[in-house]
C-alpha cells in the first residue's frame, strides 16, 4: 500500500484550517460595506519552509499579518517573530530581506537580493 509520511507537522490547534473547507480557504466574500473577507483569516497559513540540519524556518500568515519563525530541532523550541523582517545586518551593512527569496544551501540559510532592490535600498 502506498502512503505519505509527513516530514514536519505544525500543531496549530484551533488555528488549523479544517480539511473539509480546504477548497474554500481562499474564497473571497464581501460584507455589507464591500470589504473582502477571507475564510483563511481565521486560520494560520504556512507559506514557506526552509530546513537545515538544526532549524526549520517558516513564514506564516494569520489575520492578514505576516510572521517569521523558526523551530530549533536540538532544543525543540519554536520562536515566532512579531511582524515581518524587512532588513538584516550583514558585515555591518543593513540589507533588505525577503524570506520569499530564502533557501537552504549546504545547510545554511541563503537569501538572494535582486540587484534593483539592492540599488533602491
Foldseek 3Di string as FASTA:
>chain_A
DDDDDDPDDDCFDPQADDPVCVVQQAPWDADPVRDTDGNNQSHKDWDDWADFPFKIWTWIDHNNFIWIKMAGPVVRDIDIDGGDQQWDADPNDIAGFDCVQWYADPRDIDGDDDPVRRVVD
